[in-house]
Amino acid sequence: MAFGGAALKLFQTILYAIEFCCAGIILGIYSYFLATLADRDLTIHTWIKAVEGMSGAAVLYTIFAVLLTCFLGGKSLFALLAIVLDLLFCGAFIAIAVLTRDGAHSCSGFVKTPLGNGQSRAKQGFDDARGQQQYTYAVSLGSACKMNTACFAVAIAGAALFLVSALVQVALARHHKKEKRFGPSPANNYTSGRGRGGFFGRKKRANRNAALADPEVSAGAGTLATGMTHDVRPSYDTQTTAVGAGGYEHNKPLTGGYHTAPNGTYSNTATYPNAGHTATNY
């Protein structure tokens, strides 16, 4: 895996970890609100249950997202699913911010909180409105307002983070697709990535591959590169060998030692001493 893919996965994992913390904060605070309201037999509004449900679902999703990003990050199917879920949870956190918008107001004087409305200093402790002892401690309305403010701020941050996570998932999917298309090969020294691109790079690789496909052509090219001037042609048979500018020697026996010129090829004995004699293997 290239460094770019590892960096993207690490960044995405950090994002999901922060989103888990955001969702966990909201879930914890509203779980306390629900427990307090239920202990005092007070009315539990539907929007409070909605905040609890969306934050709880976000906690579960981010737990699995952190684990799956490390092993399946960038895979086409999982990337598409993650993008859709990230966008959905981005909308969910926007909804949470809207439902907890009372936390954007001042927490002094008259306040509105999930535990009720009233003066910020009003406090029940372990007693309900009728003075009866309860099991769950109730904070003052001012403290409940501050807790709701924290949920409002975290919801805005979570919405932004989930949007960034969706964009990172797109980048991961593209990176994985590129790595799959341009995997390890001779073109990139057997490392992941696209390697050298461009028209001239492709032309050089094509010429080199064509030469490597015919070993005799590549061998001839290597001989010419050393400065030798004799002609070379492709051989159609392993027993037919090029011997220089004077011509070709055919049907040379495949034996050890050296071989004299063939009989009857030339008549000038001064130039070719072996003319008229039988070829001999040594």
Foldseek 3Di string as FASTA:
>chain_A
DDPVLVVLLVVLLVLLVLLLVLLVLQLVLLVLLVVVCVQQVHDQDPLSVLSNVLSVVSNVVSVVVNVCSVPPQQPPVVLVVLLVVLLVSLVSLVSLLVSLVQLVDQLAQWGQASNGTDGQQDAQAQADPVRDGTDRGTGGSSVRSPSSNSSNVSSNVSSVSSNVSSVSSVVSNVVVVQQVVQDQDVQQPGHTGNHDDDDVSVVVVVVVVVLVVDVQSVVVVVVVVVPDDFDDDDDPDPQWHQDGDVGTQGRDDPDDADKAHAEQPDDPCVVRVCYNHHMDGD
